[in-house]
Amino acid sequence: MSGQVETLSCINPATIEQFDEVPITSESQIFAARREMGAAAHIWAAKPIKERVRILRQLQEVIIDSVDEISEL
């Protein structure tokens, strides 16, 4: 099964209909993501608070500007 991605079906319990599939993440992928998040957390923590506030406000603007598109997902 090389190259194939295992997926998990998302089922609506009210209708028993499948509405999506999501990839199943391997244990090694989870550990790699955790290492990356740990490194990113150290970088984030090293930033001055004013810079973190500025970045979060930019993110807030992007989310607000994209709310209609996000809500359609």
PDB file of N, CA and C in Angstrom:
ATOM      1  N   MET A   1       0.816  -1.188   0.000  1.00  0.00           N
ATOM      2  CA  MET A   1       0.000   0.000   0.000  1.00  0.00           C
ATOM      3  C   MET A   1       0.864   1.259   0.000  1.00  0.00           C
ATOM      4  N   SER A   2       2.002   1.179  -0.595  1.00  0.00           N
ATOM      5  CA  SER A   2       2.904   2.319  -0.650  1.00  0.00           C
ATOM      6  C   SER A   2       2.287   3.457  -1.448  1.00  0.00           C
ATOM      7  N   GLY A   3       2.367   4.664  -0.894  1.00  0.00           N
ATOM      8  CA  GLY A   3       1.840   5.834  -1.581  1.00  0.00           C
ATOM      9  C   GLY A   3       0.387   6.116  -1.289  1.00  0.00           C
ATOM     10  N   GLN A   4      -0.322   5.135  -0.724  1.00  0.00           N
ATOM     11  CA  GLN A   4      -1.728   5.357  -0.400  1.00  0.00           C
ATOM     12  C   GLN A   4      -1.836   5.922   1.005  1.00  0.00           C
ATOM     13  N   VAL A   5      -2.769   6.826   1.184  1.00  0.00           N
ATOM     14  CA  VAL A   5      -3.007   7.443   2.482  1.00  0.00           C
ATOM     15  C   VAL A   5      -4.248   6.811   3.084  1.00  0.00           C
ATOM     16  N   GLU A   6      -4.108   6.302   4.311  1.00  0.00           N
ATOM     17  CA  GLU A   6      -5.266   5.767   5.007  1.00  0.00           C
ATOM     18  C   GLU A   6      -6.160   6.914   5.438  1.00  0.00           C
ATOM     19  N   THR A   7      -7.456   6.726   5.348  1.00  0.00           N
ATOM     20  CA  THR A   7      -8.387   7.791   5.725  1.00  0.00           C
ATOM     21  C   THR A   7      -9.405   7.269   6.728  1.00  0.00           C
ATOM     22  N   LEU A   8     -10.019   8.205   7.407  1.00  0.00           N
ATOM     23  CA  LEU A   8     -11.080   7.922   8.356  1.00  0.00           C
ATOM     24  C   LEU A   8     -12.342   8.611   7.840  1.00  0.00           C
ATOM     25  N   SER A   9     -13.420   7.869   7.752  1.00  0.00           N
ATOM     26  CA  SER A   9     -14.684   8.430   7.265  1.00  0.00           C
ATOM     27  C   SER A   9     -15.355   9.252   8.356  1.00  0.00           C
ATOM     28  N   CYS A  10     -15.947  10.380   7.962  1.00  0.00           N
ATOM     29  CA  CYS A  10     -16.731  11.221   8.865  1.00  0.00           C
ATOM     30  C   CYS A  10     -18.197  10.947   8.563  1.00  0.00           C
ATOM     31  N   ILE A  11     -18.893  10.472   9.580  1.00  0.00           N
ATOM     32  CA  ILE A  11     -20.284  10.048   9.407  1.00  0.00           C
ATOM     33  C   ILE A  11     -21.211  10.961  10.211  1.00  0.00           C
ATOM     34  N   ASN A  12     -22.275  11.423   9.569  1.00  0.00           N
ATOM     35  CA  ASN A  12     -23.305  12.179  10.265  1.00  0.00           C
ATOM     36  C   ASN A  12     -24.164  11.167  11.026  1.00  0.00           C
ATOM     37  N   PRO A  13     -24.142  11.207  12.365  1.00  0.00           N
ATOM     38  CA  PRO A  13     -24.890  10.196  13.122  1.00  0.00           C
ATOM     39  C   PRO A  13     -26.414  10.288  12.936  1.00  0.00           C
ATOM     40  N   ALA A  14     -26.903  11.440  12.552  1.00  0.00           N
ATOM     41  CA  ALA A  14     -28.347  11.595  12.362  1.00  0.00           C
ATOM     42  C   ALA A  14     -28.830  10.917  11.091  1.00  0.00           C
ATOM     43  N   THR A  15     -27.979  10.928  10.060  1.00  0.00           N
ATOM     44  CA  THR A  15     -28.389  10.369   8.769  1.00  0.00           C
ATOM     45  C   THR A  15     -27.603   9.119   8.384  1.00  0.00           C
ATOM     46  N   ILE A  16     -26.543   8.832   9.120  1.00  0.00           N
ATOM     47  CA  ILE A  16     -25.636   7.724   8.848  1.00  0.00           C
ATOM     48  C   ILE A  16     -24.987   7.877   7.468  1.00  0.00           C
ATOM     49  N   GLU A  17     -24.914   9.089   6.975  1.00  0.00           N
ATOM     50  CA  GLU A  17     -24.268   9.354   5.688  1.00  0.00           C
ATOM     51  C   GLU A  17     -22.858   9.862   5.912  1.00  0.00           C
ATOM     52  N   GLN A  18     -21.958   9.399   5.045  1.00  0.00           N
ATOM     53  CA  GLN A  18     -20.585   9.888   5.086  1.00  0.00           C
ATOM     54  C   GLN A  18     -20.547  11.253   4.415  1.00  0.00           C
ATOM     55  N   PHE A  19     -19.938  12.236   5.095  1.00  0.00           N
ATOM     56  CA  PHE A  19     -19.870  13.571   4.510  1.00  0.00           C
ATOM     57  C   PHE A  19     -18.447  14.016   4.218  1.00  0.00           C
ATOM     58  N   ASP A  20     -17.462  13.245   4.675  1.00  0.00           N
ATOM     59  CA  ASP A  20     -16.074  13.620   4.395  1.00  0.00           C
ATOM     60  C   ASP A  20     -15.156  12.480   4.773  1.00  0.00           C
ATOM     61  N   GLU A  21     -13.882  12.628   4.429  1.00  0.00           N
ATOM     62  CA  GLU A  21     -12.824  11.716   4.843  1.00  0.00           C
ATOM     63  C   GLU A  21     -11.639  12.558   5.256  1.00  0.00           C
ATOM     64  N   VAL A  22     -10.934  12.112   6.274  1.00  0.00           N
ATOM     65  CA  VAL A  22      -9.728  12.813   6.715  1.00  0.00           C
ATOM     66  C   VAL A  22      -8.578  11.819   6.747  1.00  0.00           C
ATOM     67  N   PRO A  23      -7.370  12.283   6.441  1.00  0.00           N
ATOM     68  CA  PRO A  23      -6.232  11.371   6.478  1.00  0.00           C
ATOM     69  C   PRO A  23      -5.895  10.970   7.911  1.00  0.00           C
ATOM     70  N   ILE A  24      -5.465   9.727   8.080  1.00  0.00           N
ATOM     71  CA  ILE A  24      -5.027   9.246   9.382  1.00  0.00           C
ATOM     72  C   ILE A  24      -3.538   9.541   9.504  1.00  0.00           C
ATOM     73  N   THR A  25      -3.161  10.200  10.568  1.00  0.00           N
ATOM     74  CA  THR A  25      -1.778  10.596  10.798  1.00  0.00           C
ATOM     75  C   THR A  25      -1.046   9.491  11.541  1.00  0.00           C
ATOM     76  N   SER A  26       0.174   9.205  11.090  1.00  0.00           N
ATOM     77  CA  SER A  26       0.966   8.159  11.737  1.00  0.00           C
ATOM     78  C   SER A  26       1.594   8.686  13.023  1.00  0.00           C
ATOM     79  N   GLU A  27       2.027   7.782  13.856  1.00  0.00           N
ATOM     80  CA  GLU A  27       2.667   8.158  15.112  1.00  0.00           C
ATOM     81  C   GLU A  27       3.922   8.989  14.851  1.00  0.00           C
ATOM     82  N   SER A  28       4.705   8.614  13.841  1.00  0.00           N
ATOM     83  CA  SER A  28       5.928   9.372  13.542  1.00  0.00           C
ATOM     84  C   SER A  28       5.598  10.782  13.055  1.00  0.00           C
ATOM     85  N   GLN A  29       4.510  10.935  12.310  1.00  0.00           N
ATOM     86  CA  GLN A  29       4.088  12.270  11.867  1.00  0.00           C
ATOM     87  C   GLN A  29       3.652  13.123  13.052  1.00  0.00           C
ATOM     88  N   ILE A  30       2.989  12.504  14.016  1.00  0.00           N
ATOM     89  CA  ILE A  30       2.557  13.237  15.212  1.00  0.00           C
ATOM     90  C   ILE A  30       3.768  13.704  16.008  1.00  0.00           C
ATOM     91  N   PHE A  31       4.753  12.830  16.201  1.00  0.00           N
ATOM     92  CA  PHE A  31       5.950  13.213  16.945  1.00  0.00           C
ATOM     93  C   PHE A  31       6.729  14.309  16.217  1.00  0.00           C
ATOM     94  N   ALA A  32       6.796  14.229  14.893  1.00  0.00           N
ATOM     95  CA  ALA A  32       7.494  15.268  14.108  1.00  0.00           C
ATOM     96  C   ALA A  32       6.774  16.608  14.253  1.00  0.00           C
ATOM     97  N   ALA A  33       5.454  16.590  14.189  1.00  0.00           N
ATOM     98  CA  ALA A  33       4.674  17.826  14.343  1.00  0.00           C
ATOM     99  C   ALA A  33       4.875  18.401  15.738  1.00  0.00           C
ATOM    100  N   ARG A  34       4.940  17.543  16.737  1.00  0.00           N
ATOM    101  CA  ARG A  34       5.149  18.007  18.118  1.00  0.00           C
ATOM    102  C   ARG A  34       6.514  18.675  18.267  1.00  0.00           C
ATOM    103  N   ARG A  35       7.542  18.103  17.647  1.00  0.00           N
ATOM    104  CA  ARG A  35       8.879  18.720  17.693  1.00  0.00           C
ATOM    105  C   ARG A  35       8.860  20.082  17.025  1.00  0.00           C
ATOM    106  N   GLU A  36       8.195  20.178  15.878  1.00  0.00           N
ATOM    107  CA  GLU A  36       8.105  21.453  15.168  1.00  0.00           C
ATOM    108  C   GLU A  36       7.346  22.490  15.993  1.00  0.00           C
ATOM    109  N   MET A  37       6.268  22.069  16.645  1.00  0.00           N
ATOM    110  CA  MET A  37       5.497  23.007  17.476  1.00  0.00           C
ATOM    111  C   MET A  37       6.322  23.474  18.673  1.00  0.00           C
ATOM    112  N   GLY A  38       7.116  22.573  19.248  1.00  0.00           N
ATOM    113  CA  GLY A  38       7.972  22.956  20.370  1.00  0.00           C
ATOM    114  C   GLY A  38       8.989  24.002  19.956  1.00  0.00           C
ATOM    115  N   ALA A  39       9.599  23.806  18.772  1.00  0.00           N
ATOM    116  CA  ALA A  39      10.571  24.779  18.268  1.00  0.00           C
ATOM    117  C   ALA A  39       9.885  26.114  17.983  1.00  0.00           C
ATOM    118  N   ALA A  40       8.703  26.070  17.396  1.00  0.00           N
ATOM    119  CA  ALA A  40       7.968  27.308  17.093  1.00  0.00           C
ATOM    120  C   ALA A  40       7.574  28.029  18.375  1.00  0.00           C
ATOM    121  N   ALA A  41       7.235  27.280  19.416  1.00  0.00           N
ATOM    122  CA  ALA A  41       6.846  27.905  20.682  1.00  0.00           C
ATOM    123  C   ALA A  41       8.016  28.679  21.281  1.00  0.00           C
ATOM    124  N   HIS A  42       9.218  28.146  21.156  1.00  0.00           N
ATOM    125  CA  HIS A  42      10.403  28.855  21.670  1.00  0.00           C
ATOM    126  C   HIS A  42      10.652  30.146  20.880  1.00  0.00           C
ATOM    127  N   ILE A  43      10.477  30.077  19.581  1.00  0.00           N
ATOM    128  CA  ILE A  43      10.655  31.267  18.734  1.00  0.00           C
ATOM    129  C   ILE A  43       9.606  32.320  19.107  1.00  0.00           C
ATOM    130  N   TRP A  44       8.352  31.885  19.258  1.00  0.00           N
ATOM    131  CA  TRP A  44       7.254  32.793  19.624  1.00  0.00           C
ATOM    132  C   TRP A  44       7.517  33.434  20.976  1.00  0.00           C
ATOM    133  N   ALA A  45       7.933  32.642  21.948  1.00  0.00           N
ATOM    134  CA  ALA A  45       8.167  33.149  23.305  1.00  0.00           C
ATOM    135  C   ALA A  45       9.299  34.176  23.336  1.00  0.00           C
ATOM    136  N   ALA A  46      10.229  34.074  22.395  1.00  0.00           N
ATOM    137  CA  ALA A  46      11.363  35.000  22.360  1.00  0.00           C
ATOM    138  C   ALA A  46      10.986  36.358  21.767  1.00  0.00           C
ATOM    139  N   LYS A  47       9.853  36.417  21.104  1.00  0.00           N
ATOM    140  CA  LYS A  47       9.432  37.691  20.500  1.00  0.00           C
ATOM    141  C   LYS A  47       8.923  38.638  21.586  1.00  0.00           C
ATOM    142  N   PRO A  48       9.202  39.921  21.442  1.00  0.00           N
ATOM    143  CA  PRO A  48       8.657  40.889  22.399  1.00  0.00           C
ATOM    144  C   PRO A  48       7.126  40.898  22.348  1.00  0.00           C
ATOM    145  N   ILE A  49       6.507  41.205  23.461  1.00  0.00           N
ATOM    146  CA  ILE A  49       5.045  41.183  23.557  1.00  0.00           C
ATOM    147  C   ILE A  49       4.395  42.100  22.522  1.00  0.00           C
ATOM    148  N   LYS A  50       4.980  43.262  22.259  1.00  0.00           N
ATOM    149  CA  LYS A  50       4.394  44.179  21.269  1.00  0.00           C
ATOM    150  C   LYS A  50       4.366  43.545  19.883  1.00  0.00           C
ATOM    151  N   GLU A  51       5.396  42.786  19.548  1.00  0.00           N
ATOM    152  CA  GLU A  51       5.417  42.128  18.237  1.00  0.00           C
ATOM    153  C   GLU A  51       4.381  41.016  18.186  1.00  0.00           C
ATOM    154  N   ARG A  52       4.227  40.265  19.277  1.00  0.00           N
ATOM    155  CA  ARG A  52       3.220  39.205  19.299  1.00  0.00           C
ATOM    156  C   ARG A  52       1.815  39.793  19.164  1.00  0.00           C
ATOM    157  N   VAL A  53       1.557  40.916  19.826  1.00  0.00           N
ATOM    158  CA  VAL A  53       0.257  41.583  19.711  1.00  0.00           C
ATOM    159  C   VAL A  53       0.024  42.031  18.275  1.00  0.00           C
ATOM    160  N   ARG A  54       1.048  42.594  17.647  1.00  0.00           N
ATOM    161  CA  ARG A  54       0.929  43.058  16.257  1.00  0.00           C
ATOM    162  C   ARG A  54       0.588  41.886  15.332  1.00  0.00           C
ATOM    163  N   ILE A  55       1.269  40.774  15.516  1.00  0.00           N
ATOM    164  CA  ILE A  55       1.039  39.589  14.681  1.00  0.00           C
ATOM    165  C   ILE A  55      -0.379  39.061  14.889  1.00  0.00           C
ATOM    166  N   LEU A  56      -0.814  38.986  16.139  1.00  0.00           N
ATOM    167  CA  LEU A  56      -2.159  38.484  16.416  1.00  0.00           C
ATOM    168  C   LEU A  56      -3.240  39.414  15.871  1.00  0.00           C
ATOM    169  N   ARG A  57      -2.986  40.700  15.892  1.00  0.00           N
ATOM    170  CA  ARG A  57      -3.960  41.640  15.308  1.00  0.00           C
ATOM    171  C   ARG A  57      -4.039  41.474  13.794  1.00  0.00           C
ATOM    172  N   GLN A  58      -2.894  41.197  13.167  1.00  0.00           N
ATOM    173  CA  GLN A  58      -2.914  40.928  11.721  1.00  0.00           C
ATOM    174  C   GLN A  58      -3.727  39.671  11.434  1.00  0.00           C
ATOM    175  N   LEU A  59      -3.525  38.643  12.247  1.00  0.00           N
ATOM    176  CA  LEU A  59      -4.292  37.406  12.084  1.00  0.00           C
ATOM    177  C   LEU A  59      -5.776  37.684  12.261  1.00  0.00           C
ATOM    178  N   GLN A  60      -6.116  38.481  13.257  1.00  0.00           N
ATOM    179  CA  GLN A  60      -7.513  38.842  13.495  1.00  0.00           C
ATOM    180  C   GLN A  60      -8.113  39.502  12.257  1.00  0.00           C
ATOM    181  N   GLU A  61      -7.374  40.423  11.636  1.00  0.00           N
ATOM    182  CA  GLU A  61      -7.868  41.096  10.424  1.00  0.00           C
ATOM    183  C   GLU A  61      -8.108  40.107   9.296  1.00  0.00           C
ATOM    184  N   VAL A  62      -7.181  39.178   9.111  1.00  0.00           N
ATOM    185  CA  VAL A  62      -7.327  38.176   8.048  1.00  0.00           C
ATOM    186  C   VAL A  62      -8.562  37.323   8.299  1.00  0.00           C
ATOM    187  N   ILE A  63      -8.757  36.913   9.549  1.00  0.00           N
ATOM    188  CA  ILE A  63      -9.924  36.087   9.877  1.00  0.00           C
ATOM    189  C   ILE A  63     -11.215  36.867   9.643  1.00  0.00           C
ATOM    190  N   ILE A  64     -11.263  38.098  10.108  1.00  0.00           N
ATOM    191  CA  ILE A  64     -12.467  38.921   9.920  1.00  0.00           C
ATOM    192  C   ILE A  64     -12.744  39.136   8.436  1.00  0.00           C
ATOM    193  N   ASP A  65     -11.709  39.421   7.659  1.00  0.00           N
ATOM    194  CA  ASP A  65     -11.874  39.642   6.218  1.00  0.00           C
ATOM    195  C   ASP A  65     -12.300  38.368   5.490  1.00  0.00           C
ATOM    196  N   SER A  66     -12.021  37.204   6.077  1.00  0.00           N
ATOM    197  CA  SER A  66     -12.298  35.927   5.419  1.00  0.00           C
ATOM    198  C   SER A  66     -13.456  35.169   6.057  1.00  0.00           C
ATOM    199  N   VAL A  67     -14.203  35.799   6.938  1.00  0.00           N
ATOM    200  CA  VAL A  67     -15.218  35.088   7.700  1.00  0.00           C
ATOM    201  C   VAL A  67     -16.259  34.404   6.805  1.00  0.00           C
ATOM    202  N   ASP A  68     -16.673  35.041   5.725  1.00  0.00           N
ATOM    203  CA  ASP A  68     -17.658  34.422   4.837  1.00  0.00           C
ATOM    204  C   ASP A  68     -17.083  33.172   4.188  1.00  0.00           C
ATOM    205  N   GLU A  69     -15.867  33.265   3.714  1.00  0.00           N
ATOM    206  CA  GLU A  69     -15.216  32.113   3.075  1.00  0.00           C
ATOM    207  C   GLU A  69     -14.991  30.995   4.096  1.00  0.00           C
ATOM    208  N   ILE A  70     -14.559  31.348   5.284  1.00  0.00           N
ATOM    209  CA  ILE A  70     -14.302  30.337   6.327  1.00  0.00           C
ATOM    210  C   ILE A  70     -15.594  29.655   6.724  1.00  0.00           C
ATOM    211  N   SER A  71     -16.673  30.396   6.837  1.00  0.00           N
ATOM    212  CA  SER A  71     -17.943  29.812   7.278  1.00  0.00           C
ATOM    213  C   SER A  71     -18.525  28.837   6.255  1.00  0.00           C
ATOM    214  N   GLU A  72     -18.087  28.926   5.013  1.00  0.00           N
ATOM    215  CA  GLU A  72     -18.575  28.016   3.973  1.00  0.00           C
ATOM    216  C   GLU A  72     -17.886  26.663   4.035  1.00  0.00           C
ATOM    217  N   LEU A  73     -16.782  26.577   4.763  1.00  0.00           N
ATOM    218  CA  LEU A  73     -16.031  25.316   4.831  1.00  0.00           C
ATOM    219  C   LEU A  73     -16.748  24.260   5.611  1.00  0.00           C
TER     220      LEU A  73
END
